[in-house]
Amino acid sequence: MADLHDEPHTLPEVGELDDEAQAAPFGPYAPLTAEEAAEVAEAVQAAHEPESTPLERARALLAMHPVADGYSGLPSALRHLPCYDLQLGESAVDTDVPRLRRGNVGALLWSLHLPEGLVADRAVGATLEQLDLARSVIAAHPEGLRLARSAGQIIDARNCGRVAVVLGPATAAALDDSLGILRVLHSLGLRVLTLTGTSWAGGEAGLTRFGEEVVREMNRLGVLADLSGACDLTVGRVLTLSKTPVLCTRSAARALRPHPANLSDELLAGLGEARGLCLVPLTAEQTGPGLRDVADHLDHVRAMAGPACVGLSGLYDSGAAHPQGLADASGYPHLIAELLRRGWPETDIALLTWGNVQRVLRTADFTARAAQDRREPSTVRIAELDG
């Protein structure tokens, strides 16, 4: 059981949320000074008074159940800056440690996606460069950020007052059709791979036989499949094949806004049945120009897929335009306040912000351990299955 040492903390179930609040009342940025702790405790108590405003209730709830943001483009944005300091604040980007704290963000998935138009034979090297940059940024900000490879390490980062950073999604082209490269990327920290843009996952025919082998190896390693932007046939096949819940890191409701990356009601229902996770993006293009438009998509996805299958993706520093009121990572309390006004129960919001991402990562960890006992690393080449 030595391989369970990176899971020292258990995630509370929905019915245990009050117990977690008592055990860690000061949220993800503890330890605080005695004076700060007293102020936070007073704010939490005041927020639960009958006269408290939705925004006060939202801040109190996020102090206990912070946002796990499903997509951040920060590594690519930082590449173009000659110098920066995320700990003190950085106006040249949408994300820095002070704004993450104001927004009560406890974890981020850092995108390693490649620039459009990059030549295919540069995909592996460019992804490794992205990984190297991301790890360097984390190492340069030890007081604010911490690399996390598992659900347990995310909890540990939170308890130490750090924002956990999970590496991924990366583009599938980074594999260069080699499962060995997938294993190397995983060893360097990659935890999410987007299944688009390749011959085995990007065509209208859906997932090929080699693509199916990639999904099996991802399950064995604990790398999550991101299906945002994949064709409907690929989404359906991966939902059937994968033993681990899948993510859609940048998908809203197609019924409300017909964007190519948004999901139909049928796919949302299938995602809910498979216990996957739809991370609704905070972008004007996919969800609409205002905060209420984002809330409309969250309402719809929750209705179609269920409260256990909806999450949030800021898409900050990705080049996307954001809805009014959600210009940077500090705006999450205002979105949660809007959901409270709409009657969302606190248990559903706790799942939306934190619990659902934790569940998916945790399931991937345990599925991988079980699969590694039954299955050797795959050495299949694409020519053997799709040639």
Protein backbone atom coordinates (compact mmCIF):
# COMPACT_ATOMS: atom_id res chain seq x y z
CA MET A 1 0.00 0.00 0.00
CA ALA A 2 3.02 2.30 -0.23
CA ASP A 3 1.59 3.83 -3.40
CA LEU A 4 -1.23 5.38 -1.38
CA HIS A 5 1.10 7.71 0.50
CA ASP A 6 0.27 10.60 -1.82
CA GLU A 7 -3.39 10.38 -0.76
CA PRO A 8 -3.11 11.31 2.95
CA HIS A 9 -6.38 13.21 3.00
CA THR A 10 -9.85 11.97 2.07
CA LEU A 11 -12.36 14.09 0.24
CA PRO A 12 -15.61 14.58 2.17
CA GLU A 13 -18.84 13.47 0.59
CA VAL A 14 -21.60 16.00 0.06
CA GLY A 15 -23.25 15.11 3.33
CA GLU A 16 -20.02 15.79 5.20
CA LEU A 17 -19.54 19.37 4.02
CA ASP A 18 -20.34 20.84 7.43
CA ASP A 19 -17.72 18.60 9.05
CA GLU A 20 -15.09 19.84 6.61
CA ALA A 21 -16.02 23.44 7.35
CA GLN A 22 -15.45 22.84 11.08
CA ALA A 23 -12.15 21.07 10.44
CA ALA A 24 -10.76 23.80 8.16
CA PRO A 25 -12.86 26.94 8.70
CA PHE A 26 -10.34 29.33 7.22
CA GLY A 27 -10.31 27.89 3.71
CA PRO A 28 -7.54 27.23 1.21
CA TYR A 29 -5.15 30.00 2.22
CA ALA A 30 -4.47 28.95 5.83
CA PRO A 31 -2.41 29.25 7.92
CA LEU A 32 -3.39 32.82 8.80
CA THR A 33 -2.29 35.07 11.61
CA ALA A 34 -4.49 35.04 14.71
CA GLU A 35 -5.94 38.43 13.74
CA GLU A 36 -6.66 37.32 10.17
CA ALA A 37 -8.20 34.07 11.36
CA ALA A 38 -10.52 35.97 13.70
CA GLU A 39 -11.59 38.26 10.86
CA VAL A 40 -12.31 35.33 8.53
CA ALA A 41 -14.24 33.45 11.21
CA GLU A 42 -16.32 36.56 11.87
CA ALA A 43 -17.01 36.98 8.15
CA VAL A 44 -18.07 33.34 7.76
CA GLN A 45 -20.41 33.62 10.73
CA ALA A 46 -21.86 36.90 9.48
CA ALA A 47 -22.39 35.48 6.01
CA HIS A 48 -24.71 32.81 7.37
CA GLU A 49 -26.91 35.29 9.19
CA PRO A 50 -30.39 35.73 7.66
CA GLU A 51 -29.50 39.28 6.61
CA SER A 52 -26.36 38.31 4.70
CA THR A 53 -26.17 39.18 1.01
CA PRO A 54 -25.67 36.56 -1.73
CA LEU A 55 -22.12 37.89 -2.28
CA GLU A 56 -21.29 37.48 1.42
CA ARG A 57 -22.68 33.94 1.34
CA ALA A 58 -20.70 33.25 -1.84
CA ARG A 59 -17.42 34.37 -0.28
CA ALA A 60 -18.07 32.27 2.82
CA LEU A 61 -18.89 29.21 0.73
CA LEU A 62 -15.81 29.64 -1.45
CA ALA A 63 -13.63 29.95 1.65
CA MET A 64 -14.60 26.36 2.41
CA HIS A 65 -14.94 25.02 -1.15
CA PRO A 66 -12.67 27.05 -3.48
CA VAL A 67 -12.75 27.04 -7.26
CA ALA A 68 -10.89 24.34 -9.17
CA ASP A 69 -10.49 26.17 -12.48
CA GLY A 70 -10.45 23.74 -15.39
CA TYR A 71 -8.46 25.76 -17.94
CA SER A 72 -5.83 28.47 -17.64
CA GLY A 73 -3.65 29.71 -20.51
CA LEU A 74 -1.15 31.37 -18.17
CA PRO A 75 2.02 29.47 -19.25
CA SER A 76 1.68 30.61 -22.86
CA ALA A 77 0.89 34.19 -21.80
CA LEU A 78 3.98 34.37 -19.60
CA ARG A 79 6.24 33.17 -22.40
CA HIS A 80 5.95 36.56 -24.07
CA LEU A 81 6.80 38.63 -20.98
CA PRO A 82 10.43 39.66 -20.30
CA CYS A 83 9.81 39.56 -16.53
CA TYR A 84 6.88 39.05 -14.17
CA ASP A 85 6.00 38.53 -10.52
CA LEU A 86 2.82 36.55 -9.94
CA GLN A 87 3.22 36.68 -6.16
CA LEU A 88 2.99 40.47 -5.85
CA GLY A 89 0.72 40.92 -8.86
CA GLU A 90 1.11 41.12 -12.63
CA SER A 91 -1.06 43.51 -14.64
CA ALA A 92 0.10 42.12 -18.00
CA VAL A 93 -1.89 38.90 -17.50
CA ASP A 94 -5.36 37.95 -16.19
CA THR A 95 -4.03 35.71 -13.44
CA ASP A 96 -1.76 36.30 -10.46
CA VAL A 97 -1.68 35.10 -6.87
CA PRO A 98 -3.50 38.13 -5.36
CA ARG A 99 -6.38 37.79 -7.84
CA LEU A 100 -6.52 34.03 -7.35
CA ARG A 101 -6.90 34.64 -3.63
CA ARG A 102 -9.58 37.28 -4.12
CA GLY A 103 -11.42 34.87 -6.39
CA ASN A 104 -10.94 31.98 -3.95
CA VAL A 105 -9.27 29.78 -6.57
CA GLY A 106 -7.71 26.72 -4.98
CA ALA A 107 -6.57 24.79 -8.07
CA LEU A 108 -5.83 25.42 -11.75
CA LEU A 109 -5.43 23.21 -14.80
CA TRP A 110 -2.65 24.84 -16.83
CA SER A 111 -3.08 24.42 -20.57
CA LEU A 112 -0.12 23.13 -22.57
CA HIS A 113 -1.95 23.54 -25.86
CA LEU A 114 0.19 24.58 -28.81
CA PRO A 115 -0.20 27.69 -30.99
CA GLU A 116 -2.34 27.22 -34.08
CA GLY A 117 -0.36 26.50 -37.22
CA LEU A 118 2.57 24.89 -35.45
CA VAL A 119 4.23 22.34 -37.71
CA ALA A 120 3.35 18.79 -36.61
CA ASP A 121 6.97 17.68 -36.26
CA ARG A 122 7.49 20.44 -33.67
CA ALA A 123 4.61 19.34 -31.45
CA VAL A 124 6.63 17.11 -29.12
CA GLY A 125 9.42 19.62 -28.57
CA ALA A 126 7.02 22.54 -28.16
CA THR A 127 4.97 20.64 -25.58
CA LEU A 128 8.12 19.78 -23.62
CA GLU A 129 9.06 23.46 -23.69
CA GLN A 130 5.61 24.34 -22.36
CA LEU A 131 6.04 21.78 -19.58
CA ASP A 132 9.46 23.15 -18.71
CA LEU A 133 8.12 26.71 -18.58
CA ALA A 134 5.17 25.73 -16.40
CA ARG A 135 7.36 23.90 -13.91
CA SER A 136 9.78 26.86 -13.83
CA VAL A 137 6.96 29.30 -13.09
CA ILE A 138 5.73 27.13 -10.23
CA ALA A 139 9.25 26.79 -8.81
CA ALA A 140 9.71 30.58 -8.96
CA HIS A 141 6.54 31.19 -6.88
CA PRO A 142 6.72 28.67 -4.02
CA GLU A 143 4.72 30.86 -1.64
CA GLY A 144 1.72 30.93 -3.94
CA LEU A 145 1.81 27.92 -6.28
CA ARG A 146 2.46 24.20 -5.94
CA LEU A 147 2.60 21.46 -8.58
CA ALA A 148 0.02 18.73 -7.95
CA ARG A 149 0.01 15.31 -9.61
CA SER A 150 -2.97 13.80 -7.77
CA ALA A 151 -6.16 14.66 -5.91
CA GLY A 152 -4.36 14.13 -2.61
CA GLN A 153 -1.62 16.58 -3.55
CA ILE A 154 -4.25 19.20 -4.45
CA ILE A 155 -5.68 18.86 -0.94
CA ASP A 156 -2.19 19.13 0.56
CA ALA A 157 -1.50 22.30 -1.44
CA ARG A 158 -4.74 23.80 -0.24
CA ASN A 159 -3.97 22.97 3.38
CA CYS A 160 -0.56 24.62 3.01
CA GLY A 161 -2.04 27.82 1.66
CA ARG A 162 -0.94 27.28 -1.95
CA VAL A 163 -2.85 27.21 -5.23
CA ALA A 164 -2.47 23.73 -6.72
CA VAL A 165 -1.40 23.57 -10.38
CA VAL A 166 -2.28 20.50 -12.47
CA LEU A 167 -0.46 20.27 -15.81
CA GLY A 168 -2.76 19.83 -18.80
CA PRO A 169 -4.60 19.70 -21.06
CA ALA A 170 -1.99 19.15 -23.76
CA THR A 171 -2.73 18.52 -27.40
CA ALA A 172 -2.79 14.92 -28.62
CA ALA A 173 -0.35 15.83 -31.40
CA ALA A 174 2.31 15.95 -28.69
CA LEU A 175 2.30 12.13 -28.62
CA ASP A 176 3.60 11.89 -32.20
CA ASP A 177 1.58 8.66 -32.40
CA SER A 178 3.77 7.10 -29.68
CA LEU A 179 2.51 5.65 -26.41
CA GLY A 180 6.07 5.84 -25.10
CA ILE A 181 5.94 9.64 -25.41
CA LEU A 182 2.63 9.61 -23.53
CA ARG A 183 4.36 7.83 -20.64
CA VAL A 184 7.25 10.31 -20.66
CA LEU A 185 4.87 13.28 -20.58
CA HIS A 186 2.98 11.66 -17.73
CA SER A 187 6.22 11.18 -15.77
CA LEU A 188 6.86 14.94 -16.17
CA GLY A 189 3.48 15.77 -14.66
CA LEU A 190 0.96 15.74 -17.52
CA ARG A 191 -2.52 14.79 -16.30
CA VAL A 192 -4.94 15.83 -19.10
CA LEU A 193 -4.77 15.21 -22.88
CA THR A 194 -7.14 16.70 -25.49
CA LEU A 195 -8.22 14.07 -28.01
CA THR A 196 -8.39 16.22 -31.15
CA GLY A 197 -6.11 17.23 -34.00
CA THR A 198 -4.71 13.80 -34.88
CA SER A 199 -5.39 11.12 -37.45
CA TRP A 200 -6.56 8.74 -34.73
CA ALA A 201 -8.86 11.12 -32.84
CA GLY A 202 -9.55 14.16 -35.00
CA GLY A 203 -11.39 12.81 -38.02
CA GLU A 204 -15.14 12.72 -38.65
CA ALA A 205 -15.01 8.93 -38.37
CA GLY A 206 -14.26 9.25 -34.68
CA LEU A 207 -11.74 7.27 -32.65
CA THR A 208 -9.63 4.73 -34.59
CA ARG A 209 -8.31 1.44 -33.21
CA PHE A 210 -5.03 3.13 -32.27
CA GLY A 211 -7.02 5.90 -30.62
CA GLU A 212 -8.79 3.30 -28.51
CA GLU A 213 -5.39 1.95 -27.42
CA VAL A 214 -4.34 5.49 -26.46
CA VAL A 215 -7.42 5.82 -24.24
CA ARG A 216 -6.66 2.47 -22.55
CA GLU A 217 -3.07 3.56 -21.86
CA MET A 218 -4.30 6.91 -20.53
CA ASN A 219 -6.54 5.01 -18.12
CA ARG A 220 -3.59 2.89 -17.03
CA LEU A 221 -1.48 5.98 -16.34
CA GLY A 222 -4.17 8.20 -14.84
CA VAL A 223 -4.17 10.78 -17.66
CA LEU A 224 -7.65 12.22 -18.15
CA ALA A 225 -9.21 12.56 -21.61
CA ASP A 226 -10.37 16.05 -22.59
CA LEU A 227 -13.07 15.88 -25.27
CA SER A 228 -13.75 19.58 -25.89
CA GLY A 229 -13.70 20.18 -29.63
CA ALA A 230 -13.87 16.47 -30.49
CA CYS A 231 -16.47 15.27 -32.97
CA ASP A 232 -19.61 13.67 -31.56
CA LEU A 233 -18.54 10.17 -32.66
CA THR A 234 -15.24 10.49 -30.77
CA VAL A 235 -17.02 11.79 -27.67
CA GLY A 236 -19.50 8.92 -27.73
CA ARG A 237 -16.83 6.26 -28.23
CA VAL A 238 -14.56 7.57 -25.48
CA LEU A 239 -17.50 7.78 -23.07
CA THR A 240 -18.17 4.09 -23.76
CA LEU A 241 -14.54 2.95 -23.68
CA SER A 242 -12.92 4.90 -20.86
CA LYS A 243 -12.87 3.39 -17.37
CA THR A 244 -12.06 6.83 -15.99
CA PRO A 245 -14.45 9.79 -16.10
CA VAL A 246 -13.67 12.18 -18.94
CA LEU A 247 -13.48 15.96 -19.03
CA CYS A 248 -14.75 18.57 -21.42
CA THR A 249 -12.49 21.40 -20.31
CA ARG A 250 -14.05 24.12 -22.49
CA SER A 251 -17.65 23.19 -23.29
CA ALA A 252 -20.97 24.88 -22.57
CA ALA A 253 -24.52 24.14 -23.74
CA ARG A 254 -25.05 24.01 -27.51
CA ALA A 255 -28.79 24.49 -27.00
CA LEU A 256 -28.09 27.98 -25.66
CA ARG A 257 -25.19 28.94 -27.92
CA PRO A 258 -24.25 26.93 -31.06
CA HIS A 259 -20.48 27.01 -30.67
CA PRO A 260 -18.55 24.00 -32.13
CA ALA A 261 -16.99 23.17 -28.75
CA ASN A 262 -20.33 23.27 -26.91
CA LEU A 263 -22.22 20.04 -26.25
CA SER A 264 -25.67 18.96 -27.36
CA ASP A 265 -28.23 17.97 -24.75
CA GLU A 266 -27.79 14.33 -25.84
CA LEU A 267 -24.04 14.46 -25.21
CA LEU A 268 -24.54 16.27 -21.91
CA ALA A 269 -26.90 13.51 -20.80
CA GLY A 270 -24.38 10.87 -21.89
CA LEU A 271 -21.63 12.69 -20.03
CA GLY A 272 -23.77 12.68 -16.90
CA GLU A 273 -24.47 8.95 -17.21
CA ALA A 274 -20.71 8.31 -17.54
CA ARG A 275 -20.01 10.50 -14.49
CA GLY A 276 -17.83 12.78 -16.60
CA LEU A 277 -17.40 16.51 -16.12
CA CYS A 278 -18.39 19.46 -18.29
CA LEU A 279 -16.32 22.52 -17.36
CA VAL A 280 -18.26 25.55 -18.55
CA PRO A 281 -15.97 28.26 -19.98
CA LEU A 282 -16.21 31.89 -18.91
CA THR A 283 -15.91 33.29 -22.43
CA ALA A 284 -18.20 35.65 -24.32
CA GLU A 285 -17.93 33.56 -27.48
CA GLN A 286 -19.13 30.30 -25.92
CA THR A 287 -21.45 31.43 -23.14
CA GLY A 288 -22.43 35.02 -23.87
CA PRO A 289 -21.50 38.60 -23.00
CA GLY A 290 -22.63 38.73 -19.39
CA LEU A 291 -22.28 36.94 -16.07
CA ARG A 292 -25.95 35.91 -16.20
CA ASP A 293 -25.34 34.20 -19.54
CA VAL A 294 -22.70 32.02 -17.90
CA ALA A 295 -25.14 31.22 -15.11
CA ASP A 296 -27.74 30.22 -17.73
CA HIS A 297 -25.29 27.66 -19.17
CA LEU A 298 -24.50 26.34 -15.70
CA ASP A 299 -28.23 25.95 -15.04
CA HIS A 300 -28.68 24.07 -18.32
CA VAL A 301 -25.69 21.75 -17.92
CA ARG A 302 -26.73 20.93 -14.36
CA ALA A 303 -30.25 20.12 -15.58
CA MET A 304 -29.01 17.90 -18.44
CA ALA A 305 -25.99 16.16 -16.87
CA GLY A 306 -26.68 16.51 -13.14
CA PRO A 307 -25.02 18.54 -10.37
CA ALA A 308 -22.16 16.02 -10.09
CA CYS A 309 -21.08 16.67 -13.68
CA VAL A 310 -20.66 20.46 -13.97
CA GLY A 311 -17.63 22.63 -13.25
CA LEU A 312 -15.91 25.89 -14.20
CA SER A 313 -13.18 26.92 -16.64
CA GLY A 314 -12.02 30.51 -16.58
CA LEU A 315 -10.00 30.34 -19.82
CA TYR A 316 -8.08 33.30 -18.49
CA ASP A 317 -4.90 34.24 -20.38
CA SER A 318 -6.09 32.19 -23.36
CA GLY A 319 -6.80 35.18 -25.60
CA ALA A 320 -10.57 34.82 -25.21
CA ALA A 321 -12.89 37.72 -24.41
CA HIS A 322 -14.68 37.31 -21.08
CA PRO A 323 -18.21 38.18 -20.00
CA GLN A 324 -18.82 41.45 -18.22
CA GLY A 325 -18.18 41.00 -14.50
CA LEU A 326 -15.78 38.09 -15.04
CA ALA A 327 -12.77 39.88 -16.52
CA ASP A 328 -10.17 38.02 -14.44
CA ALA A 329 -9.72 35.29 -11.84
CA SER A 330 -11.03 37.50 -9.02
CA GLY A 331 -14.61 37.45 -10.32
CA TYR A 332 -15.74 34.00 -9.19
CA PRO A 333 -17.56 35.17 -6.00
CA HIS A 334 -19.90 37.27 -8.14
CA LEU A 335 -20.78 34.25 -10.31
CA ILE A 336 -21.46 32.12 -7.24
CA ALA A 337 -23.60 34.90 -5.78
CA GLU A 338 -25.73 34.83 -8.95
CA LEU A 339 -26.21 31.06 -8.59
CA LEU A 340 -27.29 31.52 -4.98
CA ARG A 341 -29.87 34.08 -6.12
CA ARG A 342 -31.16 31.43 -8.54
CA GLY A 343 -31.69 28.98 -5.73
CA TRP A 344 -28.70 26.68 -6.16
CA PRO A 345 -28.22 24.72 -2.92
CA GLU A 346 -24.84 25.09 -1.25
CA THR A 347 -24.15 21.38 -1.72
CA ASP A 348 -24.46 21.75 -5.52
CA ILE A 349 -22.20 24.81 -5.52
CA ALA A 350 -19.60 22.94 -3.45
CA LEU A 351 -19.61 20.24 -6.14
CA LEU A 352 -19.42 22.83 -8.93
CA THR A 353 -16.43 24.67 -7.53
CA TRP A 354 -14.35 21.94 -5.91
CA GLY A 355 -15.93 18.54 -5.36
CA ASN A 356 -16.49 17.43 -8.95
CA VAL A 357 -12.92 18.06 -10.10
CA GLN A 358 -11.63 16.29 -7.00
CA ARG A 359 -13.85 13.30 -7.70
CA VAL A 360 -12.67 12.93 -11.30
CA LEU A 361 -8.98 13.25 -10.41
CA ARG A 362 -9.37 10.90 -7.48
CA THR A 363 -11.14 8.29 -9.62
CA ALA A 364 -8.36 8.54 -12.22
CA ASP A 365 -5.74 7.90 -9.52
CA PHE A 366 -7.42 4.75 -8.22
CA THR A 367 -8.38 3.44 -11.66
CA ALA A 368 -4.75 3.77 -12.77
CA ARG A 369 -3.46 1.82 -9.77
CA ALA A 370 -5.89 -0.99 -10.43
CA ALA A 371 -5.10 -1.02 -14.17
CA GLN A 372 -1.34 -1.15 -13.58
CA ASP A 373 -1.82 -4.40 -11.66
CA ARG A 374 -3.60 -5.97 -14.64
CA ARG A 375 -2.02 -4.40 -17.71
CA GLU A 376 1.55 -3.92 -18.91
CA PRO A 377 2.57 -0.69 -20.68
CA SER A 378 1.37 -0.78 -24.26
CA THR A 379 3.99 -0.76 -27.03
CA VAL A 380 1.53 -0.84 -29.95
CA ARG A 381 2.40 1.35 -32.93
CA ILE A 382 -0.15 3.18 -35.03
CA ALA A 383 0.84 1.23 -38.18
CA GLU A 384 -0.07 -2.06 -36.46
CA LEU A 385 -3.69 -1.00 -35.88
CA ASP A 386 -4.50 1.75 -38.37
CA GLY A 387 -2.02 0.97 -41.16
